[in-house]
C-alpha cells in the first residue's frame, strides 16, 4: 500500500540503492495518489529517477492521466530502464505523446 510505496521511494532516492527490478502491478497507486495530490506526483518523479532501475511493472496501477505524464517525464534520459510494463492502464492523448517522447529519448 501507500506506506510500502513511500519506503520504496525513499530507497530509490538513496544513491546507494541497487534495486533493478520492481513489480508494482495490481496496486491501486493511482487511486491512492489521487488523494495525495502533488506529493504523489513528486514521488513518481523520484521513482523514475533511480539510475539502477532496469525493469518496472505498473500493470493495472490505475493511474490517472496527469500522473502518467509526470511518471513518463521522469524517464526522459533514463538510460538504464529496459522494460516498462504499463498494460491495463488508460492513456489519453497527452500521456501517449509524453510516452512517445520518452521512448525517443532512450
N, C-alpha and C. Protein backbone atom coordinates (compact mmCIF):
# COMPACT_ATOMS: atom_id res chain seq x y z
N UNK A 1 0.79 -1.18 0.00
CA UNK A 1 0.00 0.00 0.00
C UNK A 1 0.84 1.26 0.00
N UNK A 2 0.28 2.37 0.38
CA UNK A 2 0.99 3.65 0.37
C UNK A 2 2.26 3.68 1.22
N UNK A 3 2.25 3.03 2.36
CA UNK A 3 3.45 3.03 3.21
C UNK A 3 4.59 2.28 2.56
N UNK A 4 4.26 1.16 1.95
CA UNK A 4 5.28 0.38 1.25
C UNK A 4 5.85 1.20 0.09
N UNK A 5 4.98 1.87 -0.63
CA UNK A 5 5.40 2.70 -1.76
C UNK A 5 6.31 3.83 -1.29
N UNK A 6 5.97 4.46 -0.17
CA UNK A 6 6.82 5.52 0.40
C UNK A 6 8.20 4.98 0.74
N UNK A 7 8.26 3.81 1.33
CA UNK A 7 9.55 3.21 1.68
C UNK A 7 10.36 2.90 0.43
N UNK A 8 9.69 2.42 -0.59
CA UNK A 8 10.36 2.12 -1.84
C UNK A 8 10.93 3.38 -2.47
N UNK A 9 10.16 4.45 -2.45
CA UNK A 9 10.63 5.73 -2.99
C UNK A 9 11.85 6.22 -2.23
N UNK A 10 11.82 6.12 -0.91
CA UNK A 10 12.97 6.54 -0.11
C UNK A 10 14.20 5.72 -0.45
N UNK A 11 14.02 4.44 -0.66
CA UNK A 11 15.15 3.59 -1.03
C UNK A 11 15.70 3.99 -2.40
N UNK A 12 14.83 4.17 -3.36
CA UNK A 12 15.28 4.51 -4.71
C UNK A 12 15.96 5.87 -4.79
N UNK A 13 15.58 6.77 -3.92
CA UNK A 13 16.21 8.09 -3.96
C UNK A 13 17.57 8.10 -3.28
N UNK A 14 17.93 7.01 -2.62
CA UNK A 14 19.24 6.89 -1.98
C UNK A 14 20.27 6.51 -3.04
N UNK A 15 21.39 7.21 -3.07
CA UNK A 15 22.40 6.95 -4.10
C UNK A 15 23.03 5.57 -3.98
N UNK A 16 22.88 4.91 -2.83
CA UNK A 16 23.44 3.57 -2.65
C UNK A 16 22.46 2.46 -3.00
N UNK A 17 21.28 2.81 -3.44
CA UNK A 17 20.26 1.82 -3.79
C UNK A 17 20.65 1.10 -5.07
N UNK A 18 20.50 -0.21 -5.06
CA UNK A 18 20.84 -1.01 -6.24
C UNK A 18 19.66 -1.84 -6.74
N UNK A 19 18.44 -1.46 -6.40
CA UNK A 19 17.27 -2.17 -6.91
C UNK A 19 17.23 -2.06 -8.43
N UNK A 20 17.00 -3.18 -9.09
CA UNK A 20 16.96 -3.17 -10.55
C UNK A 20 15.59 -3.55 -11.11
N UNK A 21 14.79 -4.29 -10.36
CA UNK A 21 13.53 -4.82 -10.87
C UNK A 21 12.44 -4.62 -9.82
N UNK A 22 11.40 -3.87 -10.18
CA UNK A 22 10.30 -3.59 -9.25
C UNK A 22 8.98 -3.94 -9.92
N UNK A 23 8.19 -4.73 -9.21
CA UNK A 23 6.87 -5.12 -9.71
C UNK A 23 5.81 -4.51 -8.79
N UNK A 24 5.15 -3.47 -9.28
CA UNK A 24 4.08 -2.80 -8.53
C UNK A 24 2.72 -3.06 -9.17
N UNK A 25 2.63 -4.14 -9.91
CA UNK A 25 1.39 -4.44 -10.61
C UNK A 25 0.25 -4.76 -9.64
N UNK A 26 -0.95 -4.46 -10.10
CA UNK A 26 -2.17 -4.72 -9.36
C UNK A 26 -2.22 -4.00 -8.01
N UNK A 27 -1.57 -2.86 -7.94
CA UNK A 27 -1.64 -1.98 -6.77
C UNK A 27 -2.33 -0.70 -7.20
N UNK A 28 -3.28 -0.22 -6.43
CA UNK A 28 -4.04 0.98 -6.83
C UNK A 28 -3.27 2.27 -6.56
N UNK A 29 -2.07 2.38 -7.14
CA UNK A 29 -1.23 3.55 -6.89
C UNK A 29 -1.92 4.83 -7.35
N UNK A 30 -2.57 4.77 -8.49
CA UNK A 30 -3.27 5.96 -9.00
C UNK A 30 -4.40 6.39 -8.10
N UNK A 31 -5.17 5.45 -7.62
CA UNK A 31 -6.30 5.77 -6.74
C UNK A 31 -5.79 6.34 -5.43
N UNK A 32 -4.74 5.75 -4.88
CA UNK A 32 -4.16 6.22 -3.63
C UNK A 32 -3.56 7.60 -3.79
N UNK A 33 -2.81 7.81 -4.88
CA UNK A 33 -2.13 9.08 -5.07
C UNK A 33 -3.10 10.20 -5.40
N UNK A 34 -4.25 9.88 -5.97
CA UNK A 34 -5.24 10.90 -6.27
C UNK A 34 -5.65 11.64 -5.00
N UNK A 35 -5.61 10.96 -3.88
CA UNK A 35 -5.94 11.58 -2.60
C UNK A 35 -4.77 12.38 -2.04
N UNK A 36 -3.55 12.13 -2.55
CA UNK A 36 -2.37 12.79 -2.03
C UNK A 36 -1.96 14.02 -2.82
N UNK A 37 -2.52 14.20 -4.00
CA UNK A 37 -2.25 15.40 -4.79
C UNK A 37 -0.82 15.50 -5.29
N UNK A 38 -0.25 16.72 -5.21
CA UNK A 38 1.07 16.99 -5.75
C UNK A 38 2.17 16.16 -5.10
N UNK A 39 2.01 15.80 -3.86
CA UNK A 39 3.03 14.99 -3.18
C UNK A 39 3.21 13.66 -3.89
N UNK A 40 2.12 13.10 -4.36
CA UNK A 40 2.21 11.82 -5.08
C UNK A 40 2.94 12.00 -6.41
N UNK A 41 2.70 13.10 -7.10
CA UNK A 41 3.37 13.33 -8.37
C UNK A 41 4.87 13.44 -8.17
N UNK A 42 5.29 14.08 -7.10
CA UNK A 42 6.71 14.18 -6.79
C UNK A 42 7.30 12.80 -6.56
N UNK A 43 6.55 11.93 -5.91
CA UNK A 43 7.03 10.57 -5.66
C UNK A 43 7.24 9.82 -6.97
N UNK A 44 6.36 10.01 -7.93
CA UNK A 44 6.54 9.32 -9.19
C UNK A 44 7.81 9.80 -9.90
N UNK A 45 8.09 11.07 -9.77
CA UNK A 45 9.33 11.59 -10.36
C UNK A 45 10.54 10.96 -9.68
N UNK A 46 10.48 10.78 -8.35
CA UNK A 46 11.58 10.14 -7.64
C UNK A 46 11.71 8.67 -8.04
N UNK A 47 10.60 8.01 -8.23
CA UNK A 47 10.62 6.61 -8.64
C UNK A 47 11.39 6.45 -9.93
N UNK A 48 11.14 7.32 -10.85
CA UNK A 48 11.79 7.21 -12.15
C UNK A 48 13.20 7.79 -12.16
N UNK A 49 13.66 8.39 -11.07
CA UNK A 49 14.99 8.98 -11.05
C UNK A 49 16.09 7.99 -10.69
N UNK A 50 15.72 6.79 -10.30
CA UNK A 50 16.72 5.78 -9.95
C UNK A 50 17.53 5.42 -11.19
N UNK A 51 18.84 5.39 -11.07
CA UNK A 51 19.70 5.08 -12.21
C UNK A 51 20.03 3.58 -12.30
N UNK A 52 19.60 2.79 -11.34
CA UNK A 52 19.85 1.35 -11.40
C UNK A 52 18.62 0.57 -11.83
N UNK A 53 17.46 1.20 -11.80
CA UNK A 53 16.21 0.54 -12.13
C UNK A 53 16.16 0.18 -13.61
N UNK A 54 16.09 -1.12 -13.92
CA UNK A 54 16.04 -1.55 -15.31
C UNK A 54 14.67 -2.08 -15.70
N UNK A 55 13.88 -2.51 -14.74
CA UNK A 55 12.55 -3.07 -15.06
C UNK A 55 11.53 -2.57 -14.05
N UNK A 56 10.43 -2.02 -14.56
CA UNK A 56 9.36 -1.52 -13.71
C UNK A 56 8.03 -2.01 -14.26
N UNK A 57 7.29 -2.75 -13.45
CA UNK A 57 5.99 -3.28 -13.85
C UNK A 57 4.89 -2.49 -13.13
N UNK A 58 4.11 -1.76 -13.88
CA UNK A 58 3.00 -0.97 -13.34
C UNK A 58 1.68 -1.41 -13.96
N UNK A 59 1.56 -2.71 -14.24
CA UNK A 59 0.33 -3.26 -14.80
C UNK A 59 -0.83 -3.05 -13.83
N UNK A 60 -1.91 -2.52 -14.32
CA UNK A 60 -3.12 -2.23 -13.55
C UNK A 60 -2.85 -1.45 -12.26
N UNK A 61 -2.12 -0.35 -12.42
CA UNK A 61 -1.85 0.52 -11.27
C UNK A 61 -2.90 1.63 -11.16
N UNK A 62 -3.83 1.67 -12.08
CA UNK A 62 -4.97 2.60 -12.04
C UNK A 62 -4.53 4.07 -11.98
N UNK A 63 -3.54 4.41 -12.79
CA UNK A 63 -3.07 5.78 -12.83
C UNK A 63 -4.07 6.69 -13.51
N UNK A 64 -4.07 7.94 -13.09
CA UNK A 64 -4.81 8.98 -13.78
C UNK A 64 -3.86 9.60 -14.79
N UNK A 65 -4.39 10.21 -15.82
CA UNK A 65 -3.56 10.69 -16.92
C UNK A 65 -2.50 11.69 -16.48
N UNK A 66 -2.82 12.58 -15.58
CA UNK A 66 -1.83 13.56 -15.13
C UNK A 66 -0.67 12.88 -14.42
N UNK A 67 -0.93 11.79 -13.74
CA UNK A 67 0.13 11.04 -13.07
C UNK A 67 1.02 10.35 -14.09
N UNK A 68 0.43 9.82 -15.14
CA UNK A 68 1.22 9.17 -16.18
C UNK A 68 2.17 10.15 -16.85
N UNK A 69 1.70 11.35 -17.09
CA UNK A 69 2.56 12.37 -17.71
C UNK A 69 3.76 12.66 -16.81
N UNK A 70 3.52 12.80 -15.50
CA UNK A 70 4.61 13.06 -14.56
C UNK A 70 5.56 11.87 -14.48
N UNK A 71 5.00 10.68 -14.44
CA UNK A 71 5.84 9.48 -14.39
C UNK A 71 6.70 9.37 -15.64
N UNK A 72 6.10 9.56 -16.80
CA UNK A 72 6.84 9.46 -18.04
C UNK A 72 7.92 10.53 -18.13
N UNK A 73 7.62 11.73 -17.65
CA UNK A 73 8.61 12.81 -17.69
C UNK A 73 9.87 12.42 -16.92
N UNK A 74 9.70 11.67 -15.86
CA UNK A 74 10.86 11.24 -15.09
C UNK A 74 11.75 10.26 -15.82
N UNK A 75 11.22 9.62 -16.85
CA UNK A 75 12.02 8.64 -17.59
C UNK A 75 12.75 9.21 -18.79
N UNK A 76 12.57 10.49 -19.03
CA UNK A 76 13.32 11.11 -20.12
C UNK A 76 14.81 11.06 -19.75
N UNK A 77 15.59 10.53 -20.65
CA UNK A 77 17.03 10.34 -20.46
C UNK A 77 17.36 9.36 -19.35
N UNK A 78 16.46 8.46 -19.03
CA UNK A 78 16.71 7.40 -18.05
C UNK A 78 17.20 6.20 -18.83
N UNK A 79 18.50 6.13 -19.07
CA UNK A 79 19.05 5.14 -19.99
C UNK A 79 19.18 3.75 -19.40
N UNK A 80 18.95 3.58 -18.11
CA UNK A 80 19.05 2.26 -17.50
C UNK A 80 17.79 1.43 -17.72
N UNK A 81 16.65 2.07 -17.86
CA UNK A 81 15.39 1.34 -17.97
C UNK A 81 15.36 0.53 -19.26
N UNK A 82 15.04 -0.76 -19.13
CA UNK A 82 14.96 -1.65 -20.28
C UNK A 82 13.55 -2.16 -20.49
N UNK A 83 12.76 -2.22 -19.42
CA UNK A 83 11.40 -2.74 -19.51
C UNK A 83 10.48 -1.92 -18.63
N UNK A 84 9.47 -1.34 -19.25
CA UNK A 84 8.46 -0.57 -18.54
C UNK A 84 7.10 -1.13 -18.93
N UNK A 85 6.46 -1.84 -18.02
CA UNK A 85 5.20 -2.52 -18.30
C UNK A 85 4.05 -1.65 -17.80
N UNK A 86 3.18 -1.26 -18.73
CA UNK A 86 2.09 -0.35 -18.41
C UNK A 86 0.74 -0.88 -18.91
N UNK A 87 0.62 -2.18 -19.05
CA UNK A 87 -0.62 -2.74 -19.57
C UNK A 87 -1.78 -2.48 -18.62
N UNK A 88 -2.96 -2.41 -19.19
CA UNK A 88 -4.20 -2.22 -18.43
C UNK A 88 -4.26 -0.90 -17.67
N UNK A 89 -3.65 0.12 -18.22
CA UNK A 89 -3.78 1.50 -17.73
C UNK A 89 -4.34 2.31 -18.90
N UNK A 90 -5.19 3.26 -18.62
CA UNK A 90 -5.79 4.08 -19.66
C UNK A 90 -4.93 5.30 -19.95
N UNK A 91 -4.62 5.52 -21.23
CA UNK A 91 -3.81 6.67 -21.64
C UNK A 91 -4.68 7.62 -22.45
N UNK A 92 -4.52 8.92 -22.17
CA UNK A 92 -5.15 9.90 -23.04
C UNK A 92 -4.09 10.39 -24.03
N UNK A 93 -4.44 11.31 -24.91
CA UNK A 93 -3.50 11.76 -25.93
C UNK A 93 -2.24 12.40 -25.35
N UNK A 94 -2.34 13.32 -24.36
CA UNK A 94 -1.10 13.88 -23.80
C UNK A 94 -0.20 12.82 -23.16
N UNK A 95 -0.78 11.81 -22.54
CA UNK A 95 0.02 10.74 -21.96
C UNK A 95 0.78 9.98 -23.05
N UNK A 96 0.08 9.69 -24.13
CA UNK A 96 0.72 8.98 -25.24
C UNK A 96 1.83 9.81 -25.87
N UNK A 97 1.61 11.10 -26.01
CA UNK A 97 2.64 11.98 -26.57
C UNK A 97 3.87 12.02 -25.67
N UNK A 98 3.64 12.09 -24.35
CA UNK A 98 4.77 12.10 -23.42
C UNK A 98 5.53 10.78 -23.47
N UNK A 99 4.80 9.68 -23.55
CA UNK A 99 5.44 8.37 -23.64
C UNK A 99 6.25 8.25 -24.92
N UNK A 100 5.72 8.74 -26.02
CA UNK A 100 6.49 8.66 -27.28
C UNK A 100 7.76 9.50 -27.18
N UNK A 101 7.68 10.63 -26.51
CA UNK A 101 8.86 11.46 -26.32
C UNK A 101 9.91 10.72 -25.48
N UNK A 102 9.45 10.04 -24.45
CA UNK A 102 10.36 9.25 -23.61
C UNK A 102 11.03 8.16 -24.42
N UNK A 103 10.23 7.43 -25.18
CA UNK A 103 10.79 6.32 -25.96
C UNK A 103 11.80 6.81 -26.98
N UNK A 104 11.57 7.98 -27.55
CA UNK A 104 12.53 8.54 -28.49
C UNK A 104 13.81 9.01 -27.82
N UNK A 105 13.74 9.31 -26.52
CA UNK A 105 14.92 9.81 -25.81
C UNK A 105 15.83 8.68 -25.32
N UNK A 106 15.32 7.46 -25.34
CA UNK A 106 16.11 6.33 -24.82
C UNK A 106 17.05 5.79 -25.86
